[in-house]
Amino acid sequence: MWQQMEKGKYFSELRIIKDRYERLWKPRIDPYAIYDWIMIFTPIEYNVWSDIRSIGVPLYLQFPVGKSWIDFADPIKKIGIEVNGKIHNQTTDRDTKRLKELACNGYTIFNISGKDTFAEDSDSYCLINTIRNQFYS
């Protein structure tokens, strides 16, 4: 788990990121240099993060939107990636409400199954590459 001080540092960086996005509409802080993410990643998040970095899509980890958090998000393009492990195999009312809240905030959410991140030709890599081609070309 994150140490309190590390969380505080990350949240203060997020405030700066969100402020700059709202004022300037372009990222001024490298999403890959904010925090030592490897310290807190699950194996599934690590796999997806590796794909995101290798493809070069500017997504932030654990980005807050309303009362929710998106696993990986771009607040300018309003897209997000949710990584679903075993615990997320069943959609609950809470998940449905959360997705509605994100949609109301203008976000398009893409889902990646955790088990798919371990395949050699992973669906994660293909999806992130598709996101790059659709939103960043």
N, C-alpha and C. Protein backbone atom coordinates (compact mmCIF):
# COMPACT_ATOMS: atom_id res chain seq x y z
N MET A 1 0.83 -1.20 0.00
CA MET A 1 0.00 0.00 0.00
C MET A 1 0.87 1.25 0.00
N TRP A 2 0.28 2.31 -0.47
CA TRP A 2 1.00 3.57 -0.53
C TRP A 2 1.23 4.09 0.88
N GLN A 3 2.35 4.71 1.08
CA GLN A 3 2.59 5.42 2.33
C GLN A 3 1.82 6.74 2.25
N GLN A 4 1.41 7.26 3.41
CA GLN A 4 0.64 8.50 3.43
C GLN A 4 1.38 9.64 2.73
N MET A 5 2.67 9.76 2.97
CA MET A 5 3.44 10.84 2.35
C MET A 5 3.45 10.71 0.84
N GLU A 6 3.59 9.46 0.34
CA GLU A 6 3.61 9.25 -1.10
C GLU A 6 2.26 9.61 -1.71
N LYS A 7 1.17 9.24 -1.04
CA LYS A 7 -0.15 9.60 -1.53
C LYS A 7 -0.30 11.11 -1.60
N GLY A 8 0.14 11.79 -0.55
CA GLY A 8 0.04 13.24 -0.52
C GLY A 8 0.80 13.89 -1.66
N LYS A 9 1.98 13.38 -1.95
CA LYS A 9 2.79 13.91 -3.05
C LYS A 9 2.08 13.69 -4.38
N TYR A 10 1.53 12.50 -4.57
CA TYR A 10 0.83 12.19 -5.81
C TYR A 10 -0.40 13.09 -5.98
N PHE A 11 -1.19 13.25 -4.90
CA PHE A 11 -2.38 14.07 -5.00
C PHE A 11 -2.03 15.53 -5.27
N SER A 12 -0.94 16.03 -4.71
CA SER A 12 -0.56 17.41 -5.00
C SER A 12 -0.14 17.54 -6.46
N GLU A 13 0.54 16.53 -7.01
CA GLU A 13 0.90 16.53 -8.43
C GLU A 13 -0.36 16.49 -9.30
N LEU A 14 -1.35 15.70 -8.91
CA LEU A 14 -2.60 15.63 -9.68
C LEU A 14 -3.29 16.98 -9.73
N ARG A 15 -3.27 17.70 -8.63
CA ARG A 15 -3.88 19.04 -8.63
C ARG A 15 -3.19 19.93 -9.67
N ILE A 16 -1.87 19.85 -9.74
CA ILE A 16 -1.11 20.65 -10.71
C ILE A 16 -1.47 20.22 -12.13
N ILE A 17 -1.52 18.92 -12.36
CA ILE A 17 -1.86 18.40 -13.69
C ILE A 17 -3.24 18.89 -14.11
N LYS A 18 -4.24 18.69 -13.23
CA LYS A 18 -5.60 19.09 -13.58
C LYS A 18 -5.69 20.59 -13.81
N ASP A 19 -5.01 21.39 -12.99
CA ASP A 19 -5.03 22.84 -13.16
C ASP A 19 -4.43 23.23 -14.51
N ARG A 20 -3.31 22.66 -14.86
CA ARG A 20 -2.67 22.99 -16.14
C ARG A 20 -3.51 22.53 -17.32
N TYR A 21 -4.13 21.37 -17.19
CA TYR A 21 -5.01 20.90 -18.26
C TYR A 21 -6.17 21.87 -18.46
N GLU A 22 -6.78 22.28 -17.36
CA GLU A 22 -7.94 23.15 -17.46
C GLU A 22 -7.56 24.52 -18.02
N ARG A 23 -6.40 25.04 -17.67
CA ARG A 23 -5.98 26.37 -18.14
C ARG A 23 -5.36 26.33 -19.53
N LEU A 24 -4.55 25.32 -19.82
CA LEU A 24 -3.75 25.34 -21.04
C LEU A 24 -4.17 24.29 -22.07
N TRP A 25 -4.95 23.31 -21.65
CA TRP A 25 -5.41 22.23 -22.53
C TRP A 25 -4.27 21.46 -23.18
N LYS A 26 -3.16 21.35 -22.49
CA LYS A 26 -2.10 20.47 -22.97
C LYS A 26 -1.26 20.01 -21.79
N PRO A 27 -0.77 18.80 -21.85
CA PRO A 27 0.00 18.29 -20.71
C PRO A 27 1.34 19.00 -20.59
N ARG A 28 1.66 19.42 -19.41
CA ARG A 28 2.95 20.05 -19.13
C ARG A 28 3.79 19.17 -18.22
N ILE A 29 3.19 18.14 -17.67
CA ILE A 29 3.89 17.22 -16.78
C ILE A 29 3.87 15.85 -17.41
N ASP A 30 5.03 15.25 -17.54
CA ASP A 30 5.14 13.92 -18.12
C ASP A 30 4.45 12.91 -17.22
N PRO A 31 3.41 12.21 -17.71
CA PRO A 31 2.69 11.26 -16.85
C PRO A 31 3.57 10.12 -16.37
N TYR A 32 4.67 9.89 -17.06
CA TYR A 32 5.53 8.77 -16.70
C TYR A 32 6.56 9.15 -15.66
N ALA A 33 6.68 10.45 -15.36
CA ALA A 33 7.71 10.90 -14.43
C ALA A 33 7.14 11.39 -13.10
N ILE A 34 5.83 11.31 -12.92
CA ILE A 34 5.21 11.84 -11.71
C ILE A 34 5.57 11.02 -10.48
N TYR A 35 5.59 9.73 -10.64
CA TYR A 35 5.64 8.86 -9.47
C TYR A 35 6.34 7.56 -9.85
N ASP A 36 6.90 6.88 -8.89
CA ASP A 36 7.51 5.57 -9.13
C ASP A 36 6.41 4.52 -9.07
N TRP A 37 5.67 4.40 -10.16
CA TRP A 37 4.48 3.55 -10.22
C TRP A 37 4.76 2.09 -9.92
N ILE A 38 5.92 1.60 -10.28
CA ILE A 38 6.21 0.18 -10.13
C ILE A 38 6.10 -0.24 -8.67
N MET A 39 6.29 0.69 -7.75
CA MET A 39 6.16 0.37 -6.32
C MET A 39 4.74 -0.03 -5.94
N ILE A 40 3.75 0.44 -6.67
CA ILE A 40 2.36 0.22 -6.26
C ILE A 40 1.54 -0.62 -7.24
N PHE A 41 2.13 -0.99 -8.37
CA PHE A 41 1.38 -1.72 -9.39
C PHE A 41 1.03 -3.13 -8.96
N THR A 42 -0.14 -3.56 -9.41
CA THR A 42 -0.44 -4.99 -9.42
C THR A 42 0.23 -5.54 -10.68
N PRO A 43 0.42 -6.86 -10.79
CA PRO A 43 1.01 -7.40 -12.02
C PRO A 43 0.22 -7.03 -13.29
N ILE A 44 -1.09 -6.99 -13.18
CA ILE A 44 -1.93 -6.64 -14.33
C ILE A 44 -1.70 -5.18 -14.72
N GLU A 45 -1.70 -4.27 -13.74
CA GLU A 45 -1.45 -2.86 -14.03
C GLU A 45 -0.06 -2.66 -14.63
N TYR A 46 0.90 -3.40 -14.14
CA TYR A 46 2.25 -3.31 -14.68
C TYR A 46 2.26 -3.69 -16.16
N ASN A 47 1.56 -4.76 -16.51
CA ASN A 47 1.51 -5.19 -17.92
C ASN A 47 0.89 -4.11 -18.80
N VAL A 48 -0.22 -3.54 -18.35
CA VAL A 48 -0.89 -2.50 -19.14
C VAL A 48 -0.02 -1.25 -19.22
N TRP A 49 0.59 -0.86 -18.10
CA TRP A 49 1.47 0.31 -18.08
C TRP A 49 2.63 0.13 -19.05
N SER A 50 3.18 -1.08 -19.10
CA SER A 50 4.28 -1.36 -20.04
C SER A 50 3.82 -1.17 -21.48
N ASP A 51 2.61 -1.63 -21.78
CA ASP A 51 2.06 -1.44 -23.13
C ASP A 51 1.83 0.05 -23.42
N ILE A 52 1.28 0.77 -22.45
CA ILE A 52 1.02 2.21 -22.62
C ILE A 52 2.33 2.94 -22.91
N ARG A 53 3.35 2.64 -22.15
CA ARG A 53 4.65 3.31 -22.33
C ARG A 53 5.29 2.94 -23.66
N SER A 54 5.22 1.65 -24.04
CA SER A 54 5.87 1.25 -25.28
C SER A 54 5.18 1.86 -26.51
N ILE A 55 3.87 2.07 -26.41
CA ILE A 55 3.13 2.66 -27.52
C ILE A 55 3.19 4.19 -27.47
N GLY A 56 3.38 4.74 -26.28
CA GLY A 56 3.54 6.19 -26.14
C GLY A 56 2.25 6.97 -25.98
N VAL A 57 1.24 6.37 -25.37
CA VAL A 57 -0.03 7.06 -25.13
C VAL A 57 0.06 7.78 -23.78
N PRO A 58 -0.25 9.09 -23.73
CA PRO A 58 -0.10 9.85 -22.48
C PRO A 58 -1.28 9.65 -21.52
N LEU A 59 -1.24 8.59 -20.78
CA LEU A 59 -2.29 8.30 -19.80
C LEU A 59 -1.72 8.38 -18.39
N TYR A 60 -2.53 8.87 -17.48
CA TYR A 60 -2.16 8.95 -16.07
C TYR A 60 -2.80 7.80 -15.32
N LEU A 61 -2.07 7.26 -14.37
CA LEU A 61 -2.58 6.17 -13.54
C LEU A 61 -3.45 6.73 -12.42
N GLN A 62 -4.51 6.00 -12.11
CA GLN A 62 -5.41 6.34 -11.00
C GLN A 62 -5.81 7.81 -11.03
N PHE A 63 -6.50 8.18 -12.11
CA PHE A 63 -6.89 9.57 -12.29
C PHE A 63 -8.29 9.78 -11.71
N PRO A 64 -8.47 10.80 -10.84
CA PRO A 64 -9.78 11.03 -10.24
C PRO A 64 -10.74 11.75 -11.17
N VAL A 65 -11.96 11.24 -11.24
CA VAL A 65 -13.04 11.89 -12.00
C VAL A 65 -14.28 11.81 -11.12
N GLY A 66 -14.75 12.94 -10.66
CA GLY A 66 -15.88 12.94 -9.74
C GLY A 66 -15.52 12.16 -8.50
N LYS A 67 -16.36 11.20 -8.14
CA LYS A 67 -16.11 10.35 -6.97
C LYS A 67 -15.38 9.07 -7.35
N SER A 68 -15.06 8.93 -8.61
CA SER A 68 -14.45 7.69 -9.10
C SER A 68 -12.98 7.89 -9.46
N TRP A 69 -12.31 6.78 -9.64
CA TRP A 69 -10.93 6.76 -10.10
C TRP A 69 -10.86 5.88 -11.33
N ILE A 70 -10.15 6.35 -12.35
CA ILE A 70 -9.96 5.56 -13.56
C ILE A 70 -8.55 4.98 -13.50
N ASP A 71 -8.42 3.70 -13.83
CA ASP A 71 -7.10 3.06 -13.76
C ASP A 71 -6.06 3.84 -14.57
N PHE A 72 -6.37 4.15 -15.82
CA PHE A 72 -5.49 4.94 -16.69
C PHE A 72 -6.37 5.91 -17.45
N ALA A 73 -6.03 7.21 -17.44
CA ALA A 73 -6.92 8.19 -18.08
C ALA A 73 -6.15 9.33 -18.72
N ASP A 74 -6.78 9.92 -19.73
CA ASP A 74 -6.32 11.15 -20.35
C ASP A 74 -7.43 12.18 -20.15
N PRO A 75 -7.21 13.16 -19.26
CA PRO A 75 -8.27 14.12 -18.97
C PRO A 75 -8.57 15.11 -20.08
N ILE A 76 -7.71 15.21 -21.09
CA ILE A 76 -8.00 16.10 -22.22
C ILE A 76 -8.88 15.39 -23.23
N LYS A 77 -8.49 14.20 -23.61
CA LYS A 77 -9.27 13.42 -24.58
C LYS A 77 -10.48 12.77 -23.92
N LYS A 78 -10.49 12.76 -22.58
CA LYS A 78 -11.57 12.14 -21.79
C LYS A 78 -11.77 10.68 -22.17
N ILE A 79 -10.65 9.97 -22.17
CA ILE A 79 -10.71 8.53 -22.37
C ILE A 79 -10.05 7.85 -21.18
N GLY A 80 -10.48 6.64 -20.91
CA GLY A 80 -9.91 5.91 -19.80
C GLY A 80 -9.85 4.43 -20.11
N ILE A 81 -8.93 3.77 -19.42
CA ILE A 81 -8.80 2.32 -19.52
C ILE A 81 -9.00 1.76 -18.12
N GLU A 82 -9.90 0.81 -18.03
CA GLU A 82 -10.12 0.09 -16.79
C GLU A 82 -9.59 -1.32 -16.96
N VAL A 83 -8.79 -1.77 -16.01
CA VAL A 83 -8.22 -3.11 -16.03
C VAL A 83 -9.02 -3.95 -15.06
N ASN A 84 -9.59 -5.02 -15.56
CA ASN A 84 -10.50 -5.84 -14.75
C ASN A 84 -9.87 -7.17 -14.40
N GLY A 85 -9.58 -7.36 -13.12
CA GLY A 85 -9.08 -8.63 -12.63
C GLY A 85 -10.24 -9.55 -12.29
N LYS A 86 -9.94 -10.64 -11.59
CA LYS A 86 -10.96 -11.63 -11.24
C LYS A 86 -12.13 -11.02 -10.48
N ILE A 87 -11.82 -10.07 -9.61
CA ILE A 87 -12.87 -9.48 -8.77
C ILE A 87 -13.89 -8.69 -9.59
N HIS A 88 -13.52 -8.27 -10.79
CA HIS A 88 -14.41 -7.45 -11.63
C HIS A 88 -15.14 -8.27 -12.69
N ASN A 89 -15.15 -9.58 -12.57
CA ASN A 89 -15.80 -10.40 -13.59
C ASN A 89 -17.31 -10.25 -13.59
N GLN A 90 -17.86 -9.79 -12.50
CA GLN A 90 -19.30 -9.60 -12.45
C GLN A 90 -19.60 -8.11 -12.32
N THR A 91 -20.51 -7.62 -13.16
CA THR A 91 -20.89 -6.22 -13.10
C THR A 91 -21.90 -6.06 -11.97
N THR A 92 -21.64 -5.11 -11.11
CA THR A 92 -22.55 -4.84 -9.99
C THR A 92 -23.27 -3.52 -10.23
N ASP A 93 -24.26 -3.24 -9.40
CA ASP A 93 -24.95 -1.95 -9.48
C ASP A 93 -23.97 -0.81 -9.26
N ARG A 94 -23.02 -1.04 -8.37
CA ARG A 94 -22.01 -0.02 -8.09
C ARG A 94 -21.17 0.28 -9.34
N ASP A 95 -20.78 -0.78 -10.08
CA ASP A 95 -20.02 -0.59 -11.31
C ASP A 95 -20.83 0.18 -12.35
N THR A 96 -22.11 -0.18 -12.46
CA THR A 96 -22.99 0.49 -13.42
C THR A 96 -23.12 1.98 -13.09
N LYS A 97 -23.30 2.31 -11.80
CA LYS A 97 -23.39 3.71 -11.38
C LYS A 97 -22.09 4.45 -11.68
N ARG A 98 -20.99 3.78 -11.41
CA ARG A 98 -19.67 4.37 -11.63
C ARG A 98 -19.46 4.69 -13.12
N LEU A 99 -19.80 3.75 -13.98
CA LEU A 99 -19.64 3.97 -15.42
C LEU A 99 -20.57 5.08 -15.91
N LYS A 100 -21.77 5.17 -15.35
CA LYS A 100 -22.68 6.25 -15.70
C LYS A 100 -22.10 7.60 -15.29
N GLU A 101 -21.50 7.65 -14.08
CA GLU A 101 -20.89 8.89 -13.62
C GLU A 101 -19.75 9.31 -14.55
N LEU A 102 -18.93 8.35 -14.96
CA LEU A 102 -17.82 8.67 -15.86
C LEU A 102 -18.36 9.14 -17.21
N ALA A 103 -19.40 8.50 -17.71
CA ALA A 103 -20.01 8.91 -18.98
C ALA A 103 -20.61 10.31 -18.85
N CYS A 104 -21.24 10.61 -17.73
CA CYS A 104 -21.80 11.95 -17.51
C CYS A 104 -20.71 13.02 -17.47
N ASN A 105 -19.51 12.62 -17.10
CA ASN A 105 -18.37 13.54 -17.11
C ASN A 105 -17.66 13.54 -18.46
N GLY A 106 -18.25 12.87 -19.46
CA GLY A 106 -17.73 12.91 -20.82
C GLY A 106 -16.67 11.87 -21.15
N TYR A 107 -16.44 10.90 -20.27
CA TYR A 107 -15.39 9.91 -20.49
C TYR A 107 -15.88 8.70 -21.27
N THR A 108 -15.04 8.24 -22.18
CA THR A 108 -15.22 6.97 -22.86
C THR A 108 -14.27 5.99 -22.19
N ILE A 109 -14.80 4.87 -21.73
CA ILE A 109 -14.00 3.90 -20.99
C ILE A 109 -13.82 2.64 -21.82
N PHE A 110 -12.57 2.20 -21.88
CA PHE A 110 -12.22 0.93 -22.54
C PHE A 110 -11.83 -0.05 -21.45
N ASN A 111 -12.26 -1.30 -21.60
CA ASN A 111 -11.97 -2.32 -20.59
C ASN A 111 -10.98 -3.34 -21.12
N ILE A 112 -10.07 -3.75 -20.23
CA ILE A 112 -9.11 -4.79 -20.55
C ILE A 112 -9.21 -5.85 -19.47
N SER A 113 -9.37 -7.09 -19.88
CA SER A 113 -9.41 -8.20 -18.94
C SER A 113 -8.00 -8.48 -18.44
N GLY A 114 -7.85 -8.67 -17.15
CA GLY A 114 -6.54 -8.91 -16.57
C GLY A 114 -5.82 -10.10 -17.18
N LYS A 115 -6.55 -11.17 -17.43
CA LYS A 115 -5.89 -12.37 -17.98
C LYS A 115 -5.35 -12.11 -19.38
N ASP A 116 -5.98 -11.19 -20.11
CA ASP A 116 -5.52 -10.89 -21.47
C ASP A 116 -4.19 -10.13 -21.49
N THR A 117 -3.82 -9.56 -20.36
CA THR A 117 -2.56 -8.80 -20.34
C THR A 117 -1.34 -9.70 -20.29
N PHE A 118 -1.55 -10.99 -20.02
CA PHE A 118 -0.43 -11.93 -19.91
C PHE A 118 -0.16 -12.70 -21.20
N ALA A 119 -1.03 -12.55 -22.19
CA ALA A 119 -0.85 -13.26 -23.46
C ALA A 119 0.29 -12.63 -24.26
N GLU A 120 0.95 -13.45 -25.08
CA GLU A 120 2.07 -12.95 -25.88
C GLU A 120 1.62 -11.86 -26.84
N ASP A 121 0.54 -12.09 -27.56
CA ASP A 121 -0.06 -11.06 -28.43
C ASP A 121 -1.25 -10.50 -27.66
N SER A 122 -0.97 -9.70 -26.64
CA SER A 122 -2.02 -9.32 -25.70
C SER A 122 -3.06 -8.40 -26.31
N ASP A 123 -4.30 -8.59 -25.85
CA ASP A 123 -5.38 -7.69 -26.24
C ASP A 123 -5.12 -6.28 -25.71
N SER A 124 -4.41 -6.21 -24.61
CA SER A 124 -4.05 -4.92 -24.03
C SER A 124 -3.26 -4.09 -25.03
N TYR A 125 -2.23 -4.67 -25.58
CA TYR A 125 -1.38 -3.96 -26.54
C TYR A 125 -2.20 -3.53 -27.76
N CYS A 126 -3.03 -4.43 -28.27
CA CYS A 126 -3.86 -4.12 -29.45
C CYS A 126 -4.82 -2.98 -29.16
N LEU A 127 -5.47 -3.01 -28.00
CA LEU A 127 -6.43 -1.97 -27.65
C LEU A 127 -5.73 -0.62 -27.48
N ILE A 128 -4.61 -0.60 -26.79
CA ILE A 128 -3.89 0.66 -26.59
C ILE A 128 -3.38 1.21 -27.91
N ASN A 129 -2.94 0.34 -28.79
CA ASN A 129 -2.51 0.77 -30.12
C ASN A 129 -3.68 1.36 -30.90
N THR A 130 -4.84 0.76 -30.79
CA THR A 130 -6.05 1.27 -31.44
C THR A 130 -6.42 2.64 -30.87
N ILE A 131 -6.32 2.79 -29.54
CA ILE A 131 -6.59 4.08 -28.89
C ILE A 131 -5.64 5.14 -29.44
N ARG A 132 -4.37 4.80 -29.55
CA ARG A 132 -3.38 5.76 -30.09
C ARG A 132 -3.78 6.18 -31.51
N ASN A 133 -4.14 5.20 -32.34
CA ASN A 133 -4.48 5.51 -33.73
C ASN A 133 -5.75 6.34 -33.84
N GLN A 134 -6.73 6.09 -32.97
CA GLN A 134 -7.99 6.82 -33.05
C GLN A 134 -7.94 8.20 -32.41
N PHE A 135 -7.18 8.35 -31.31
CA PHE A 135 -7.24 9.58 -30.57
C PHE A 135 -5.98 10.45 -30.66
N TYR A 136 -4.87 9.90 -31.12
CA TYR A 136 -3.61 10.65 -31.08
C TYR A 136 -2.93 10.76 -32.43
N SER A 137 -3.57 10.40 -33.50
CA SER A 137 -2.94 10.49 -34.83
C SER A 137 -3.25 11.80 -35.51
